[in-house]
């Protein structure tokens, strides 16, 4: 989950306070960690129980078979809500794991704190793994200050999912490559219905997810941006940025083709699509875990690219792993890190339904050969979206940044105008950036 609740914000802030002074770089010490003659590496992770089971029963045993002198001890957090607080506490207490999981949301924080081991020399001198094995945009996302600080494991761009049965029932033409924002809005209007004539909409043309891994696509699509390229100044107060977000918010508040939070009747947006209450949703391939479960969705569905505004744009979601800067076992940790992101890790990601593996060959083979049962005919649009996708940037002060995003939530609720929200958000974020508080 990208955006943080106030409770999560306070937890991370409290954990970060533990990292004052020189504790962060003091290392975890030369601990003698051996079991049955094998070196024990600590791996800190969080995932669904099903996915953790695949790690425990397949990936880790496969690694230990290849490297019989090393044992992996995996510890987990109770979900992502407390993950950073626990990891920060472990680092401050000098019991940091050798390898740990990150996402695009928390990676900048750890990168800025200099707790991540640079990997440039490792990958340059390794005959088994090379930069070209991974998508360059993902490696860029895991780099900071000119250094590669982790390896991506899984990812997905956002594309448009649509209910073909619904389109056919109401005589609406399927979306095609090259469709525009105007085309999108026209289809949304044609598919928004009060089907039981009770005075309330029960079929929405789309849903507009209020999340930082969704709305930036509409800002970019209108020619706007969130930050300057160096992420040193927020520029969400420009007309282009405001206009892009306004188009997205107005799907609910003005055009009434997407539900407001109060109109979703307690359903999550994916549940609305699954229950045939929404004809379209911009979603990631991580949704396949739900959409392909059992016999799959009870209707025909397919994918389309994101609609184009002034520009064609979409967002990425990704996860990866890093090595703690103070590990006494960097070589052994590197071997496990590349295993997580390599061919075996890619196979586990696919089996667990974890979107697309960052290992390029495995991702493209899986999509082009449709190795996952039940995938829609145009699954290839996920690969094509890599070219026009961007990563929503996070400044190092990601907790404060998320707190400032409450201004944008207020715009979604209609409490303030989008222009007011964007201008206030920009002022707060720039004040945080200029303070240099991390």
Protein backbone atom coordinates (compact mmCIF):
# COMPACT_ATOMS: atom_id res chain seq x y z
CA UNK A 1 0.00 0.00 0.00
CA UNK A 2 1.50 3.31 -1.05
CA UNK A 3 -0.31 5.87 1.05
CA UNK A 4 0.03 5.83 4.82
CA UNK A 5 -2.54 6.34 7.53
CA UNK A 6 -1.80 8.75 10.39
CA UNK A 7 -1.10 5.74 12.59
CA UNK A 8 1.47 4.40 10.12
CA UNK A 9 3.01 7.85 9.82
CA UNK A 10 3.47 8.08 13.59
CA UNK A 11 4.96 4.59 13.75
CA UNK A 12 7.52 5.35 11.08
CA UNK A 13 8.33 8.74 12.58
CA UNK A 14 8.87 7.10 15.97
CA UNK A 15 11.05 4.41 14.40
CA UNK A 16 13.07 7.00 12.52
CA UNK A 17 13.77 8.82 15.78
CA UNK A 18 15.59 5.72 16.96
CA UNK A 19 18.08 6.21 14.15
CA UNK A 20 19.61 9.39 15.52
CA UNK A 21 23.31 9.80 16.12
CA UNK A 22 25.61 7.20 14.64
CA UNK A 23 23.48 4.15 15.31
CA UNK A 24 22.52 3.74 11.70
CA UNK A 25 25.93 3.06 10.28
CA UNK A 26 27.40 1.25 13.24
CA UNK A 27 26.65 -2.09 11.61
CA UNK A 28 25.24 -5.25 13.04
CA UNK A 29 28.64 -6.40 14.23
CA UNK A 30 30.68 -9.47 13.40
CA UNK A 31 28.13 -11.86 14.79
CA UNK A 32 29.02 -15.50 14.63
CA UNK A 33 25.82 -16.87 13.18
CA UNK A 34 26.23 -20.50 12.35
CA UNK A 35 23.88 -23.46 12.53
CA UNK A 36 24.94 -27.03 11.75
CA UNK A 37 28.11 -25.65 10.23
CA UNK A 38 26.20 -23.28 7.93
CA UNK A 39 26.28 -19.50 7.88
CA UNK A 40 22.85 -18.04 8.70
CA UNK A 41 21.69 -15.01 6.71
CA UNK A 42 18.72 -13.03 7.98
CA UNK A 43 16.05 -12.02 5.46
CA UNK A 44 13.26 -9.66 6.53
CA UNK A 45 10.17 -9.70 4.36
CA UNK A 46 6.42 -9.31 4.21
CA UNK A 47 3.94 -10.86 1.80
CA UNK A 48 0.74 -12.84 1.77
CA UNK A 49 0.75 -16.15 3.67
CA UNK A 50 0.50 -18.03 0.38
CA UNK A 51 3.51 -16.24 -1.04
CA UNK A 52 5.57 -16.70 2.11
CA UNK A 53 4.77 -20.39 1.89
CA UNK A 54 6.33 -20.49 -1.59
CA UNK A 55 9.46 -18.83 -0.20
CA UNK A 56 9.68 -21.35 2.62
CA UNK A 57 8.96 -24.46 0.58
CA UNK A 58 10.52 -23.65 -2.80
CA UNK A 59 12.72 -20.58 -3.16
CA UNK A 60 14.75 -20.82 0.04
CA UNK A 61 15.28 -24.63 -0.26
CA UNK A 62 16.41 -24.13 -3.87
CA UNK A 63 18.92 -21.50 -2.77
CA UNK A 64 20.21 -23.62 0.10
CA UNK A 65 20.65 -26.55 -2.26
CA UNK A 66 22.77 -24.41 -4.57
CA UNK A 67 24.67 -22.87 -1.65
CA UNK A 68 24.82 -25.69 0.93
CA UNK A 69 27.02 -23.72 3.33
CA UNK A 70 24.38 -21.00 3.79
CA UNK A 71 21.05 -21.09 5.62
CA UNK A 72 18.36 -18.41 5.13
CA UNK A 73 16.43 -17.37 8.21
CA UNK A 74 13.35 -15.49 7.06
CA UNK A 75 11.45 -13.30 9.49
CA UNK A 76 8.31 -11.41 8.61
CA UNK A 77 6.23 -8.46 9.68
CA UNK A 78 2.53 -8.59 10.40
CA UNK A 79 1.67 -6.89 7.12
CA UNK A 80 3.06 -3.71 5.65
CA UNK A 81 1.53 -1.40 8.30
CA UNK A 82 4.20 -2.15 10.90
CA UNK A 83 6.97 -3.24 8.56
CA UNK A 84 9.06 -0.07 8.53
CA UNK A 85 8.71 0.57 12.24
CA UNK A 86 9.99 -2.94 12.99
CA UNK A 87 12.83 -2.70 10.47
CA UNK A 88 13.94 0.69 11.76
CA UNK A 89 13.95 -0.66 15.30
CA UNK A 90 16.08 -3.63 14.22
CA UNK A 91 18.57 -1.33 12.51
CA UNK A 92 18.79 0.99 15.50
CA UNK A 93 19.23 -2.01 17.80
CA UNK A 94 22.16 -3.27 15.71
CA UNK A 95 20.33 -6.47 14.80
CA UNK A 96 19.57 -5.47 11.22
CA UNK A 97 18.75 -8.23 8.72
CA UNK A 98 21.30 -8.87 6.00
CA UNK A 99 18.67 -8.59 3.25
CA UNK A 100 15.28 -6.91 3.39
CA UNK A 101 12.31 -6.12 1.21
CA UNK A 102 11.48 -2.60 -0.03
CA UNK A 103 8.89 -0.94 -2.26
CA UNK A 104 8.96 2.26 -4.27
CA UNK A 105 7.35 4.00 -1.29
CA UNK A 106 9.91 3.28 1.43
CA UNK A 107 13.03 2.79 -0.71
CA UNK A 108 13.93 6.53 -0.87
CA UNK A 109 13.90 6.76 2.92
CA UNK A 110 16.43 3.94 3.36
CA UNK A 111 18.51 5.12 0.41
CA UNK A 112 18.79 8.59 1.90
CA UNK A 113 19.81 7.16 5.29
CA UNK A 114 22.78 5.35 3.72
CA UNK A 115 21.78 1.98 5.12
CA UNK A 116 21.84 0.20 1.74
CA UNK A 117 24.88 -1.53 0.29
CA UNK A 118 25.83 -0.24 -3.21
CA UNK A 119 25.69 -3.07 -5.73
CA UNK A 120 27.43 -1.60 -8.78
CA UNK A 121 30.67 -3.53 -8.28
CA UNK A 122 28.80 -6.75 -7.55
CA UNK A 123 26.72 -6.67 -10.72
CA UNK A 124 29.63 -5.47 -12.84
CA UNK A 125 31.79 -8.41 -11.76
CA UNK A 126 29.14 -11.14 -11.77
CA UNK A 127 28.97 -13.42 -14.81
CA UNK A 128 25.53 -14.77 -13.91
CA UNK A 129 23.50 -11.58 -13.63
CA UNK A 130 23.69 -8.38 -15.66
CA UNK A 131 21.85 -5.09 -15.76
CA UNK A 132 20.21 -5.96 -19.07
CA UNK A 133 18.46 -8.89 -17.38
CA UNK A 134 16.15 -6.34 -15.74
CA UNK A 135 14.00 -3.51 -17.01
CA UNK A 136 16.04 -0.33 -16.87
CA UNK A 137 13.20 1.73 -15.36
CA UNK A 138 13.12 -0.63 -12.39
CA UNK A 139 16.88 -0.39 -11.88
CA UNK A 140 16.56 3.38 -12.07
CA UNK A 141 13.88 3.18 -9.39
CA UNK A 142 16.27 1.27 -7.12
CA UNK A 143 19.14 3.69 -7.63
CA UNK A 144 20.01 6.83 -5.69
CA UNK A 145 22.95 9.24 -5.68
CA UNK A 146 24.27 7.52 -8.79
CA UNK A 147 24.45 4.08 -7.17
CA UNK A 148 22.44 0.88 -7.61
CA UNK A 149 21.12 0.05 -4.13
CA UNK A 150 18.89 -2.96 -4.69
CA UNK A 151 17.47 -5.41 -7.21
CA UNK A 152 13.82 -5.39 -8.27
CA UNK A 153 11.84 -8.60 -7.83
CA UNK A 154 8.33 -7.94 -9.13
CA UNK A 155 6.43 -5.10 -10.76
CA UNK A 156 3.42 -4.04 -12.77
CA UNK A 157 2.38 -1.00 -14.75
CA UNK A 158 -1.25 0.15 -14.57
CA UNK A 159 -3.53 -0.52 -17.55
CA UNK A 160 -7.28 -0.43 -18.16
CA UNK A 161 -9.38 -3.50 -17.31
CA UNK A 162 -12.85 -3.58 -18.82
CA UNK A 163 -15.95 -5.79 -18.72
CA UNK A 164 -16.54 -6.92 -22.31
CA UNK A 165 -20.01 -8.27 -21.53
CA UNK A 166 -21.08 -4.88 -20.20
CA UNK A 167 -19.72 -3.04 -23.22
CA UNK A 168 -21.52 -5.45 -25.55
CA UNK A 169 -24.80 -5.27 -23.62
CA UNK A 170 -25.00 -1.49 -23.92
CA UNK A 171 -23.59 -1.23 -27.44
CA UNK A 172 -20.36 0.50 -26.43
CA UNK A 173 -17.30 -0.05 -28.59
CA UNK A 174 -14.35 -1.70 -26.85
CA UNK A 175 -11.43 0.64 -26.05
CA UNK A 176 -8.59 0.42 -28.54
CA UNK A 177 -4.97 1.58 -28.65
CA UNK A 178 -4.84 5.31 -29.21
CA UNK A 179 -8.09 6.07 -27.41
CA UNK A 180 -8.21 9.46 -25.71
CA UNK A 181 -9.49 10.99 -22.49
CA UNK A 182 -12.54 12.18 -24.45
CA UNK A 183 -13.16 8.63 -25.68
CA UNK A 184 -12.76 7.35 -22.13
CA UNK A 185 -15.26 9.84 -20.71
CA UNK A 186 -17.74 9.12 -23.48
CA UNK A 187 -17.62 5.39 -22.73
CA UNK A 188 -17.92 6.05 -19.00
CA UNK A 189 -21.07 8.09 -19.56
CA UNK A 190 -22.58 5.41 -21.79
CA UNK A 191 -21.92 2.74 -19.17
CA UNK A 192 -23.13 4.58 -16.05
CA UNK A 193 -26.63 3.27 -15.34
CA UNK A 194 -29.42 3.05 -12.81
CA UNK A 195 -30.26 -0.45 -13.93
CA UNK A 196 -33.04 -1.14 -11.43
CA UNK A 197 -34.64 2.34 -11.76
CA UNK A 198 -34.54 3.07 -8.02
CA UNK A 199 -33.00 6.50 -8.48
CA UNK A 200 -29.47 5.43 -7.59
CA UNK A 201 -26.59 4.49 -9.87
CA UNK A 202 -25.65 0.84 -9.57
CA UNK A 203 -23.42 0.52 -12.63
CA UNK A 204 -20.54 2.96 -12.88
CA UNK A 205 -18.48 3.57 -15.99
CA UNK A 206 -15.27 3.46 -13.99
CA UNK A 207 -13.73 3.89 -10.54
CA UNK A 208 -11.06 6.49 -9.80
CA UNK A 209 -8.78 5.06 -7.14
CA UNK A 210 -7.49 7.71 -4.73
CA UNK A 211 -3.93 6.40 -4.48
CA UNK A 212 -0.44 7.62 -5.36
CA UNK A 213 0.06 4.62 -7.61
CA UNK A 214 -2.89 5.79 -9.78
CA UNK A 215 -3.57 9.54 -9.97
CA UNK A 216 -0.07 10.67 -11.11
CA UNK A 217 -0.82 9.09 -14.52
CA UNK A 218 -3.50 11.74 -15.08
CA UNK A 219 -1.19 14.56 -14.02
CA UNK A 220 1.48 13.33 -16.43
CA UNK A 221 -1.10 12.70 -19.13
CA UNK A 222 -2.04 16.38 -19.05
CA UNK A 223 1.59 17.47 -19.38
CA UNK A 224 2.03 18.17 -15.67
CA UNK A 225 4.42 16.75 -13.12
CA UNK A 226 4.67 16.26 -9.38
CA UNK A 227 8.31 17.22 -8.87
CA UNK A 228 11.15 18.74 -10.80
CA UNK A 229 13.40 16.01 -12.29
CA UNK A 230 15.78 16.19 -9.31
CA UNK A 231 12.83 15.77 -6.87
CA UNK A 232 13.94 18.89 -5.04
CA UNK A 233 10.82 20.95 -5.65
CA UNK A 234 7.14 20.05 -5.89
CA UNK A 235 5.36 21.57 -8.90
CA UNK A 236 1.82 20.28 -8.42
CA UNK A 237 0.56 23.89 -8.50
CA UNK A 238 1.05 24.28 -12.27
CA UNK A 239 -2.03 24.55 -14.52
CA UNK A 240 -1.12 21.28 -16.24
CA UNK A 241 -0.85 19.32 -12.98
CA UNK A 242 -4.01 20.85 -11.55
CA UNK A 243 -5.91 20.19 -14.79
CA UNK A 244 -4.84 16.55 -14.92
CA UNK A 245 -5.87 15.82 -11.36
CA UNK A 246 -9.11 17.78 -11.84
CA UNK A 247 -10.11 15.59 -14.79
CA UNK A 248 -9.59 12.51 -12.63
CA UNK A 249 -11.41 13.88 -9.56
CA UNK A 250 -14.26 15.22 -11.68
CA UNK A 251 -15.07 11.69 -12.84
CA UNK A 252 -16.78 11.42 -9.45
CA UNK A 253 -17.68 14.94 -8.43
CA UNK A 254 -18.80 16.53 -11.71
CA UNK A 255 -19.29 13.90 -14.39
CA UNK A 256 -20.69 11.36 -11.89
CA UNK A 257 -19.39 8.38 -13.86
CA UNK A 258 -17.33 7.06 -10.92
CA UNK A 259 -18.51 6.59 -7.34
CA UNK A 260 -17.49 8.85 -4.51
CA UNK A 261 -16.24 7.00 -1.41
CA UNK A 262 -19.74 7.24 0.04
CA UNK A 263 -21.32 5.79 -3.09
CA UNK A 264 -19.17 2.66 -3.14
CA UNK A 265 -21.39 1.17 -0.42
CA UNK A 266 -18.40 -0.18 1.46
CA UNK A 267 -17.05 -2.10 -1.52
CA UNK A 268 -13.43 -1.86 -2.53
CA UNK A 269 -12.90 -0.74 -6.09
CA UNK A 270 -11.70 -4.15 -7.25
CA UNK A 271 -14.76 -5.69 -5.59
CA UNK A 272 -16.95 -3.28 -7.56
CA UNK A 273 -15.37 -4.43 -10.82
CA UNK A 274 -15.66 -8.09 -9.82
CA UNK A 275 -19.33 -7.61 -8.81
CA UNK A 276 -20.18 -5.92 -12.14
CA UNK A 277 -20.85 -2.57 -10.47
CA UNK A 278 -18.06 -0.90 -12.46
CA UNK A 279 -17.39 -1.44 -16.16
CA UNK A 280 -13.75 -0.30 -16.10
CA UNK A 281 -10.90 -0.03 -13.62
CA UNK A 282 -7.28 1.08 -13.98
CA UNK A 283 -5.43 -1.71 -12.23
CA UNK A 284 -2.17 -3.62 -12.01
CA UNK A 285 -1.31 -7.22 -12.79
CA UNK A 286 -1.21 -7.85 -9.04
CA UNK A 287 -5.01 -7.93 -9.35
CA UNK A 288 -4.72 -11.25 -11.17
CA UNK A 289 -4.41 -12.87 -7.74
CA UNK A 290 -8.08 -12.04 -7.27
CA UNK A 291 -9.41 -11.95 -10.83
CA UNK A 292 -8.02 -15.37 -11.78
CA UNK A 293 -8.85 -17.10 -8.50
CA UNK A 294 -10.99 -20.23 -8.80
CA UNK A 295 -12.98 -20.13 -12.03
CA UNK A 296 -12.12 -16.49 -12.60
CA UNK A 297 -14.49 -13.56 -13.07
CA UNK A 298 -18.09 -14.40 -14.03
CA UNK A 299 -17.92 -12.36 -17.24
CA UNK A 300 -15.67 -11.81 -20.24
CA UNK A 301 -13.04 -9.18 -19.69
CA UNK A 302 -9.93 -7.81 -21.34
CA UNK A 303 -7.30 -5.10 -21.13
CA UNK A 304 -6.65 -1.85 -22.95
CA UNK A 305 -3.87 0.72 -22.72
CA UNK A 306 -4.46 3.77 -20.58
CA UNK A 307 -6.34 6.51 -22.46
CA UNK A 308 -4.19 9.32 -23.82
CA UNK A 309 -4.45 12.97 -22.82
CA UNK A 310 -1.82 15.38 -24.06
CA UNK A 311 0.59 12.52 -23.41
CA UNK A 312 0.29 8.78 -22.89
CA UNK A 313 1.27 7.92 -19.33
CA UNK A 314 0.84 5.36 -16.59
CA UNK A 315 2.36 4.40 -13.25
CA UNK A 316 4.40 1.48 -11.91
CA UNK A 317 4.12 -0.59 -8.78
CA UNK A 318 7.21 -2.56 -7.79
CA UNK A 319 8.89 -4.47 -5.02
CA UNK A 320 12.53 -5.41 -4.56
CA UNK A 321 15.20 -6.30 -2.05
CA UNK A 322 18.29 -4.61 -0.65
CA UNK A 323 21.38 -5.56 1.35
CA UNK A 324 22.04 -3.83 4.65
CA UNK A 325 25.16 -1.66 4.43
CA UNK A 326 26.60 -3.07 7.64
CA UNK A 327 26.24 -6.79 6.90
CA UNK A 328 29.41 -8.72 7.69
CA UNK A 329 28.54 -11.10 4.85
CA UNK A 330 28.13 -8.99 1.68
CA UNK A 331 29.17 -11.71 -0.81
CA UNK A 332 26.79 -14.29 0.60
CA UNK A 333 24.01 -11.68 0.80
CA UNK A 334 24.59 -10.75 -2.84
CA UNK A 335 24.20 -14.38 -3.85
CA UNK A 336 20.81 -14.53 -2.16
CA UNK A 337 19.74 -11.14 -3.50
CA UNK A 338 20.40 -12.10 -7.11
CA UNK A 339 18.67 -15.44 -6.51
CA UNK A 340 15.55 -13.57 -5.35
CA UNK A 341 15.52 -11.52 -8.55
CA UNK A 342 16.81 -14.16 -10.97
CA UNK A 343 15.20 -17.09 -12.75
CA UNK A 344 14.17 -19.04 -9.65
CA UNK A 345 12.77 -15.98 -7.94
CA UNK A 346 10.94 -15.05 -11.13
CA UNK A 347 9.29 -18.49 -11.27
CA UNK A 348 8.15 -18.12 -7.65
CA UNK A 349 6.74 -14.68 -8.37
CA UNK A 350 4.73 -16.05 -11.27
CA UNK A 351 3.50 -19.05 -9.31
CA UNK A 352 2.44 -16.80 -6.44
CA UNK A 353 0.58 -14.49 -8.78
CA UNK A 354 2.88 -11.63 -7.84
CA UNK A 355 2.35 -9.54 -10.99
CA UNK A 356 5.36 -9.71 -13.33
CA UNK A 357 8.89 -10.73 -12.39
CA UNK A 358 11.47 -8.01 -12.84
CA UNK A 359 13.65 -10.58 -14.63
CA UNK A 360 12.92 -9.47 -18.20
CA UNK A 361 13.14 -12.84 -19.98
CA UNK A 362 10.76 -14.52 -17.55
CA UNK A 363 8.24 -11.68 -17.70
CA UNK A 364 8.12 -11.56 -21.47
CA UNK A 365 7.95 -15.33 -21.81
CA UNK A 366 5.06 -15.53 -19.35
CA UNK A 367 3.04 -12.84 -21.11
CA UNK A 368 3.73 -13.69 -24.73
CA UNK A 369 3.16 -17.40 -24.18
CA UNK A 370 0.26 -16.90 -21.75
CA UNK A 371 1.70 -19.37 -19.29
CA UNK A 372 -0.68 -18.19 -16.56
CA UNK A 373 -4.10 -19.82 -17.10
CA UNK A 374 -7.02 -17.44 -17.50
CA UNK A 375 -5.09 -14.35 -18.57
CA UNK A 376 -7.05 -12.09 -20.95
CA UNK A 377 -6.27 -11.92 -24.70
CA UNK A 378 -4.48 -8.57 -24.46
CA UNK A 379 -2.21 -9.33 -21.53
CA UNK A 380 0.60 -7.98 -23.71
CA UNK A 381 -0.57 -4.45 -22.96
CA UNK A 382 1.24 -4.78 -19.65
CA UNK A 383 4.54 -5.15 -21.48
CA UNK A 384 3.72 -2.29 -23.83
CA UNK A 385 2.88 -0.06 -20.85
CA UNK A 386 6.47 -0.33 -19.65
CA UNK A 387 7.49 2.06 -22.43
CA UNK A 388 5.09 4.82 -21.38
CA UNK A 389 5.10 4.11 -17.66
CA UNK A 390 6.77 6.19 -14.97
CA UNK A 391 7.45 5.67 -11.32
CA UNK A 392 5.60 8.06 -9.02
CA UNK A 393 8.51 9.75 -7.22
CA UNK A 394 8.92 9.87 -3.46
CA UNK A 395 11.17 12.36 -1.73
CA UNK A 396 13.32 11.04 1.15
CA UNK A 397 10.80 12.55 3.58
CA UNK A 398 8.18 10.08 2.43
CA UNK A 399 6.20 10.01 5.69
CA UNK A 400 5.76 13.79 5.69
CA UNK A 401 4.97 13.65 1.98
CA UNK A 402 2.19 11.15 2.59
CA UNK A 403 0.82 13.28 5.42
CA UNK A 404 0.63 16.28 3.07
CA UNK A 405 -1.34 14.17 0.61
CA UNK A 406 -4.35 14.58 2.91
CA UNK A 407 -4.93 17.81 1.00
CA UNK A 408 -5.53 15.83 -2.17
CA UNK A 409 -7.82 13.40 -0.34
CA UNK A 410 -9.91 16.41 0.67
CA UNK A 411 -10.30 17.33 -3.00
CA UNK A 412 -11.57 13.82 -3.77
CA UNK A 413 -14.18 14.28 -1.07
CA UNK A 414 -15.24 17.63 -2.48
CA UNK A 415 -14.19 19.48 0.67
CA UNK A 416 -11.92 21.85 -1.27
CA UNK A 417 -11.34 22.55 -4.94
CA UNK A 418 -8.62 20.65 -6.75
CA UNK A 419 -6.77 23.92 -7.35
CA UNK A 420 -6.83 24.81 -3.64
CA UNK A 421 -5.71 21.30 -2.71
CA UNK A 422 -2.84 21.22 -5.20
CA UNK A 423 -1.54 24.64 -4.14
CA UNK A 424 -1.65 23.81 -0.44
CA UNK A 425 -0.07 20.40 -1.07
CA UNK A 426 2.72 22.06 -3.05
CA UNK A 427 3.43 24.60 -0.30
CA UNK A 428 3.58 21.93 2.41
CA UNK A 429 5.80 19.57 0.42
CA UNK A 430 8.22 22.33 -0.55
CA UNK A 431 8.40 23.47 3.07
CA UNK A 432 9.33 19.91 4.03
CA UNK A 433 11.91 19.66 1.26
CA UNK A 434 13.53 22.96 2.19
CA UNK A 435 13.75 21.95 5.85
CA UNK A 436 15.96 18.99 4.90
CA UNK A 437 14.43 17.01 7.74
CA UNK A 438 14.65 13.27 7.09
